[in-house]
Amino acid sequence: MISANYRVPNIDPEKCHSCRKCVARQACRLKALVQFEAHELPYVDQAMCRGCLVCVEQCPFRAITVE
């Protein structure tokens, strides 16, 4: 089992508006945030995420947090 030394963000479905700002290349250069359809909620691909937390800063609705 691989353990990470960083925190992976979580997306709160109650706050997310599916605006796609977190999915944009500027917010996640590693493409760790995935959203297949515009109406679906994005999710964090934990295998790709490196914990930079740029997505947290980019979310205008504060739907992305870390625990």
PDB file of N, CA and C in Angstrom:
ATOM      1  N   MET A   1       0.841  -1.176   0.000  1.00  0.00           N
ATOM      2  CA  MET A   1       0.000   0.000   0.000  1.00  0.00           C
ATOM      3  C   MET A   1       0.890   1.245   0.000  1.00  0.00           C
ATOM      4  N   ILE A   2       0.516   2.214  -0.824  1.00  0.00           N
ATOM      5  CA  ILE A   2       1.254   3.469  -0.933  1.00  0.00           C
ATOM      6  C   ILE A   2       0.584   4.504  -0.048  1.00  0.00           C
ATOM      7  N   SER A   3       1.371   5.185   0.764  1.00  0.00           N
ATOM      8  CA  SER A   3       0.797   6.250   1.585  1.00  0.00           C
ATOM      9  C   SER A   3       1.303   7.591   1.077  1.00  0.00           C
ATOM     10  N   ALA A   4       0.433   8.566   1.132  1.00  0.00           N
ATOM     11  CA  ALA A   4       0.776   9.902   0.646  1.00  0.00           C
ATOM     12  C   ALA A   4       1.117  10.802   1.824  1.00  0.00           C
ATOM     13  N   ASN A   5       1.992  11.760   1.580  1.00  0.00           N
ATOM     14  CA  ASN A   5       2.368  12.726   2.602  1.00  0.00           C
ATOM     15  C   ASN A   5       1.655  14.054   2.387  1.00  0.00           C
ATOM     16  N   TYR A   6       0.555  14.048   1.687  1.00  0.00           N
ATOM     17  CA  TYR A   6      -0.179  15.266   1.406  1.00  0.00           C
ATOM     18  C   TYR A   6      -1.665  15.005   1.576  1.00  0.00           C
ATOM     19  N   ARG A   7      -2.413  16.073   1.645  1.00  0.00           N
ATOM     20  CA  ARG A   7      -3.856  15.951   1.823  1.00  0.00           C
ATOM     21  C   ARG A   7      -4.559  16.073   0.478  1.00  0.00           C
ATOM     22  N   VAL A   8      -5.480  15.184   0.238  1.00  0.00           N
ATOM     23  CA  VAL A   8      -6.253  15.195  -1.004  1.00  0.00           C
ATOM     24  C   VAL A   8      -7.539  15.983  -0.755  1.00  0.00           C
ATOM     25  N   PRO A   9      -7.872  16.902  -1.659  1.00  0.00           N
ATOM     26  CA  PRO A   9      -9.091  17.696  -1.486  1.00  0.00           C
ATOM     27  C   PRO A   9     -10.364  16.866  -1.636  1.00  0.00           C
ATOM     28  N   ASN A  10     -11.409  17.345  -0.991  1.00  0.00           N
ATOM     29  CA  ASN A  10     -12.742  16.745  -1.091  1.00  0.00           C
ATOM     30  C   ASN A  10     -13.688  17.780  -1.681  1.00  0.00           C
ATOM     31  N   ILE A  11     -14.666  17.306  -2.438  1.00  0.00           N
ATOM     32  CA  ILE A  11     -15.656  18.203  -3.041  1.00  0.00           C
ATOM     33  C   ILE A  11     -16.990  18.000  -2.337  1.00  0.00           C
ATOM     34  N   ASP A  12     -17.529  19.081  -1.813  1.00  0.00           N
ATOM     35  CA  ASP A  12     -18.813  19.051  -1.120  1.00  0.00           C
ATOM     36  C   ASP A  12     -19.927  19.181  -2.159  1.00  0.00           C
ATOM     37  N   PRO A  13     -20.715  18.129  -2.359  1.00  0.00           N
ATOM     38  CA  PRO A  13     -21.771  18.184  -3.379  1.00  0.00           C
ATOM     39  C   PRO A  13     -22.862  19.209  -3.080  1.00  0.00           C
ATOM     40  N   GLU A  14     -23.004  19.591  -1.819  1.00  0.00           N
ATOM     41  CA  GLU A  14     -23.999  20.596  -1.445  1.00  0.00           C
ATOM     42  C   GLU A  14     -23.584  21.999  -1.895  1.00  0.00           C
ATOM     43  N   LYS A  15     -22.282  22.242  -1.982  1.00  0.00           N
ATOM     44  CA  LYS A  15     -21.775  23.567  -2.348  1.00  0.00           C
ATOM     45  C   LYS A  15     -21.359  23.669  -3.813  1.00  0.00           C
ATOM     46  N   CYS A  16     -21.057  22.551  -4.435  1.00  0.00           N
ATOM     47  CA  CYS A  16     -20.562  22.553  -5.818  1.00  0.00           C
ATOM     48  C   CYS A  16     -21.664  22.950  -6.798  1.00  0.00           C
ATOM     49  N   HIS A  17     -21.329  23.851  -7.716  1.00  0.00           N
ATOM     50  CA  HIS A  17     -22.266  24.318  -8.743  1.00  0.00           C
ATOM     51  C   HIS A  17     -21.904  23.779 -10.121  1.00  0.00           C
ATOM     52  N   SER A  18     -20.957  22.852 -10.193  1.00  0.00           N
ATOM     53  CA  SER A  18     -20.490  22.268 -11.461  1.00  0.00           C
ATOM     54  C   SER A  18     -20.051  23.339 -12.455  1.00  0.00           C
ATOM     55  N   CYS A  19     -19.388  24.370 -11.962  1.00  0.00           N
ATOM     56  CA  CYS A  19     -18.964  25.478 -12.824  1.00  0.00           C
ATOM     57  C   CYS A  19     -17.720  25.134 -13.650  1.00  0.00           C
ATOM     58  N   ARG A  20     -17.029  24.075 -13.295  1.00  0.00           N
ATOM     59  CA  ARG A  20     -15.864  23.553 -14.006  1.00  0.00           C
ATOM     60  C   ARG A  20     -14.589  24.382 -13.804  1.00  0.00           C
ATOM     61  N   LYS A  21     -14.595  25.342 -12.907  1.00  0.00           N
ATOM     62  CA  LYS A  21     -13.376  26.131 -12.686  1.00  0.00           C
ATOM     63  C   LYS A  21     -12.264  25.288 -12.079  1.00  0.00           C
ATOM     64  N   CYS A  22     -12.608  24.302 -11.272  1.00  0.00           N
ATOM     65  CA  CYS A  22     -11.592  23.434 -10.679  1.00  0.00           C
ATOM     66  C   CYS A  22     -11.028  22.445 -11.698  1.00  0.00           C
ATOM     67  N   VAL A  23     -11.797  22.156 -12.726  1.00  0.00           N
ATOM     68  CA  VAL A  23     -11.380  21.203 -13.755  1.00  0.00           C
ATOM     69  C   VAL A  23     -10.488  21.881 -14.796  1.00  0.00           C
ATOM     70  N   ALA A  24     -10.548  23.204 -14.864  1.00  0.00           N
ATOM     71  CA  ALA A  24      -9.760  23.952 -15.850  1.00  0.00           C
ATOM     72  C   ALA A  24      -8.272  23.685 -15.686  1.00  0.00           C
ATOM     73  N   ARG A  25      -7.569  23.746 -16.781  1.00  0.00           N
ATOM     74  CA  ARG A  25      -6.126  23.463 -16.782  1.00  0.00           C
ATOM     75  C   ARG A  25      -5.359  24.375 -15.820  1.00  0.00           C
ATOM     76  N   GLN A  26      -5.792  25.622 -15.664  1.00  0.00           N
ATOM     77  CA  GLN A  26      -5.117  26.544 -14.758  1.00  0.00           C
ATOM     78  C   GLN A  26      -5.258  26.095 -13.304  1.00  0.00           C
ATOM     79  N   ALA A  27      -6.358  25.451 -12.978  1.00  0.00           N
ATOM     80  CA  ALA A  27      -6.609  25.034 -11.598  1.00  0.00           C
ATOM     81  C   ALA A  27      -5.943  23.705 -11.267  1.00  0.00           C
ATOM     82  N   CYS A  28      -5.859  22.812 -12.245  1.00  0.00           N
ATOM     83  CA  CYS A  28      -5.238  21.509 -11.976  1.00  0.00           C
ATOM     84  C   CYS A  28      -4.436  21.066 -13.191  1.00  0.00           C
ATOM     85  N   ARG A  29      -3.164  21.372 -13.165  1.00  0.00           N
ATOM     86  CA  ARG A  29      -2.282  21.020 -14.285  1.00  0.00           C
ATOM     87  C   ARG A  29      -2.110  19.515 -14.442  1.00  0.00           C
ATOM     88  N   LEU A  30      -2.325  18.769 -13.373  1.00  0.00           N
ATOM     89  CA  LEU A  30      -2.181  17.312 -13.426  1.00  0.00           C
ATOM     90  C   LEU A  30      -3.458  16.611 -13.873  1.00  0.00           C
ATOM     91  N   LYS A  31      -4.519  17.383 -14.070  1.00  0.00           N
ATOM     92  CA  LYS A  31      -5.824  16.849 -14.464  1.00  0.00           C
ATOM     93  C   LYS A  31      -6.344  15.833 -13.449  1.00  0.00           C
ATOM     94  N   ALA A  32      -6.141  16.141 -12.174  1.00  0.00           N
ATOM     95  CA  ALA A  32      -6.600  15.252 -11.110  1.00  0.00           C
ATOM     96  C   ALA A  32      -8.078  15.449 -10.796  1.00  0.00           C
ATOM     97  N   LEU A  33      -8.634  16.565 -11.245  1.00  0.00           N
ATOM     98  CA  LEU A  33     -10.068  16.786 -11.094  1.00  0.00           C
ATOM     99  C   LEU A  33     -10.743  16.400 -12.395  1.00  0.00           C
ATOM    100  N   VAL A  34     -11.740  15.539 -12.277  1.00  0.00           N
ATOM    101  CA  VAL A  34     -12.382  14.965 -13.454  1.00  0.00           C
ATOM    102  C   VAL A  34     -13.874  15.270 -13.415  1.00  0.00           C
ATOM    103  N   GLN A  35     -14.396  15.659 -14.568  1.00  0.00           N
ATOM    104  CA  GLN A  35     -15.834  15.880 -14.722  1.00  0.00           C
ATOM    105  C   GLN A  35     -16.184  15.503 -16.152  1.00  0.00           C
ATOM    106  N   PHE A  36     -16.925  14.416 -16.313  1.00  0.00           N
ATOM    107  CA  PHE A  36     -17.221  13.915 -17.649  1.00  0.00           C
ATOM    108  C   PHE A  36     -18.314  14.705 -18.360  1.00  0.00           C
ATOM    109  N   GLU A  37     -19.361  15.047 -17.652  1.00  0.00           N
ATOM    110  CA  GLU A  37     -20.472  15.801 -18.230  1.00  0.00           C
ATOM    111  C   GLU A  37     -20.637  17.103 -17.453  1.00  0.00           C
ATOM    112  N   ALA A  38     -21.072  18.143 -18.124  1.00  0.00           N
ATOM    113  CA  ALA A  38     -21.195  19.462 -17.497  1.00  0.00           C
ATOM    114  C   ALA A  38     -22.134  19.452 -16.291  1.00  0.00           C
ATOM    115  N   HIS A  39     -23.154  18.613 -16.303  1.00  0.00           N
ATOM    116  CA  HIS A  39     -24.122  18.594 -15.201  1.00  0.00           C
ATOM    117  C   HIS A  39     -23.693  17.694 -14.040  1.00  0.00           C
ATOM    118  N   GLU A  40     -22.638  16.910 -14.220  1.00  0.00           N
ATOM    119  CA  GLU A  40     -22.160  16.016 -13.166  1.00  0.00           C
ATOM    120  C   GLU A  40     -21.197  16.740 -12.228  1.00  0.00           C
ATOM    121  N   LEU A  41     -21.113  16.258 -11.015  1.00  0.00           N
ATOM    122  CA  LEU A  41     -20.150  16.809 -10.067  1.00  0.00           C
ATOM    123  C   LEU A  41     -18.758  16.305 -10.415  1.00  0.00           C
ATOM    124  N   PRO A  42     -17.758  17.153 -10.272  1.00  0.00           N
ATOM    125  CA  PRO A  42     -16.384  16.690 -10.485  1.00  0.00           C
ATOM    126  C   PRO A  42     -15.956  15.806  -9.315  1.00  0.00           C
ATOM    127  N   TYR A  43     -14.908  15.046  -9.537  1.00  0.00           N
ATOM    128  CA  TYR A  43     -14.335  14.269  -8.445  1.00  0.00           C
ATOM    129  C   TYR A  43     -12.819  14.318  -8.550  1.00  0.00           C
ATOM    130  N   VAL A  44     -12.155  14.009  -7.456  1.00  0.00           N
ATOM    131  CA  VAL A  44     -10.698  14.039  -7.397  1.00  0.00           C
ATOM    132  C   VAL A  44     -10.168  12.636  -7.671  1.00  0.00           C
ATOM    133  N   ASP A  45      -9.346  12.529  -8.696  1.00  0.00           N
ATOM    134  CA  ASP A  45      -8.652  11.273  -8.981  1.00  0.00           C
ATOM    135  C   ASP A  45      -7.454  11.219  -8.038  1.00  0.00           C
ATOM    136  N   GLN A  46      -7.580  10.459  -6.970  1.00  0.00           N
ATOM    137  CA  GLN A  46      -6.557  10.441  -5.928  1.00  0.00           C
ATOM    138  C   GLN A  46      -5.218   9.909  -6.417  1.00  0.00           C
ATOM    139  N   ALA A  47      -5.220   9.127  -7.468  1.00  0.00           N
ATOM    140  CA  ALA A  47      -3.962   8.621  -8.020  1.00  0.00           C
ATOM    141  C   ALA A  47      -3.185   9.728  -8.729  1.00  0.00           C
ATOM    142  N   MET A  48      -3.888  10.752  -9.217  1.00  0.00           N
ATOM    143  CA  MET A  48      -3.247  11.845  -9.950  1.00  0.00           C
ATOM    144  C   MET A  48      -2.942  13.058  -9.066  1.00  0.00           C
ATOM    145  N   CYS A  49      -3.726  13.261  -8.020  1.00  0.00           N
ATOM    146  CA  CYS A  49      -3.586  14.438  -7.164  1.00  0.00           C
ATOM    147  C   CYS A  49      -2.272  14.407  -6.393  1.00  0.00           C
ATOM    148  N   ARG A  50      -1.603  15.555  -6.353  1.00  0.00           N
ATOM    149  CA  ARG A  50      -0.354  15.690  -5.605  1.00  0.00           C
ATOM    150  C   ARG A  50      -0.484  16.676  -4.446  1.00  0.00           C
ATOM    151  N   GLY A  51      -1.712  17.109  -4.187  1.00  0.00           N
ATOM    152  CA  GLY A  51      -1.966  17.941  -3.019  1.00  0.00           C
ATOM    153  C   GLY A  51      -1.512  19.380  -3.113  1.00  0.00           C
ATOM    154  N   CYS A  52      -1.451  19.941  -4.316  1.00  0.00           N
ATOM    155  CA  CYS A  52      -1.007  21.336  -4.462  1.00  0.00           C
ATOM    156  C   CYS A  52      -2.061  22.324  -3.953  1.00  0.00           C
ATOM    157  N   LEU A  53      -3.327  21.917  -3.951  1.00  0.00           N
ATOM    158  CA  LEU A  53      -4.464  22.689  -3.438  1.00  0.00           C
ATOM    159  C   LEU A  53      -4.805  23.941  -4.239  1.00  0.00           C
ATOM    160  N   VAL A  54      -4.332  24.055  -5.463  1.00  0.00           N
ATOM    161  CA  VAL A  54      -4.712  25.179  -6.321  1.00  0.00           C
ATOM    162  C   VAL A  54      -6.217  25.141  -6.580  1.00  0.00           C
ATOM    163  N   CYS A  55      -6.779  23.958  -6.691  1.00  0.00           N
ATOM    164  CA  CYS A  55      -8.218  23.823  -6.925  1.00  0.00           C
ATOM    165  C   CYS A  55      -9.029  24.440  -5.788  1.00  0.00           C
ATOM    166  N   VAL A  56      -8.533  24.330  -4.563  1.00  0.00           N
ATOM    167  CA  VAL A  56      -9.216  24.919  -3.406  1.00  0.00           C
ATOM    168  C   VAL A  56      -9.307  26.432  -3.581  1.00  0.00           C
ATOM    169  N   GLU A  57      -8.223  27.041  -4.021  1.00  0.00           N
ATOM    170  CA  GLU A  57      -8.187  28.489  -4.236  1.00  0.00           C
ATOM    171  C   GLU A  57      -9.077  28.915  -5.400  1.00  0.00           C
ATOM    172  N   GLN A  58      -9.211  28.074  -6.416  1.00  0.00           N
ATOM    173  CA  GLN A  58      -9.955  28.427  -7.623  1.00  0.00           C
ATOM    174  C   GLN A  58     -11.467  28.306  -7.469  1.00  0.00           C
ATOM    175  N   CYS A  59     -11.928  27.540  -6.502  1.00  0.00           N
ATOM    176  CA  CYS A  59     -13.375  27.315  -6.369  1.00  0.00           C
ATOM    177  C   CYS A  59     -14.061  28.542  -5.772  1.00  0.00           C
ATOM    178  N   PRO A  60     -14.938  29.208  -6.550  1.00  0.00           N
ATOM    179  CA  PRO A  60     -15.606  30.412  -6.050  1.00  0.00           C
ATOM    180  C   PRO A  60     -16.697  30.113  -5.019  1.00  0.00           C
ATOM    181  N   PHE A  61     -17.080  28.843  -4.883  1.00  0.00           N
ATOM    182  CA  PHE A  61     -18.160  28.464  -3.972  1.00  0.00           C
ATOM    183  C   PHE A  61     -17.654  27.785  -2.700  1.00  0.00           C
ATOM    184  N   ARG A  62     -16.334  27.697  -2.569  1.00  0.00           N
ATOM    185  CA  ARG A  62     -15.699  27.034  -1.417  1.00  0.00           C
ATOM    186  C   ARG A  62     -16.200  25.608  -1.235  1.00  0.00           C
ATOM    187  N   ALA A  63     -16.405  24.940  -2.349  1.00  0.00           N
ATOM    188  CA  ALA A  63     -16.891  23.560  -2.312  1.00  0.00           C
ATOM    189  C   ALA A  63     -15.761  22.552  -2.176  1.00  0.00           C
ATOM    190  N   ILE A  64     -14.530  23.000  -2.362  1.00  0.00           N
ATOM    191  CA  ILE A  64     -13.385  22.096  -2.272  1.00  0.00           C
ATOM    192  C   ILE A  64     -12.619  22.415  -0.998  1.00  0.00           C
ATOM    193  N   THR A  65     -12.474  21.411  -0.167  1.00  0.00           N
ATOM    194  CA  THR A  65     -11.790  21.580   1.109  1.00  0.00           C
ATOM    195  C   THR A  65     -10.840  20.413   1.343  1.00  0.00           C
ATOM    196  N   VAL A  66      -9.997  20.556   2.338  1.00  0.00           N
ATOM    197  CA  VAL A  66      -9.139  19.454   2.778  1.00  0.00           C
ATOM    198  C   VAL A  66      -9.422  19.206   4.250  1.00  0.00           C
ATOM    199  N   GLU A  67      -9.309  17.966   4.645  1.00  0.00           N
ATOM    200  CA  GLU A  67      -9.568  17.611   6.052  1.00  0.00           C
ATOM    201  C   GLU A  67      -8.282  17.540   6.820  1.00  0.00           C
TER     202      GLU A  67
END
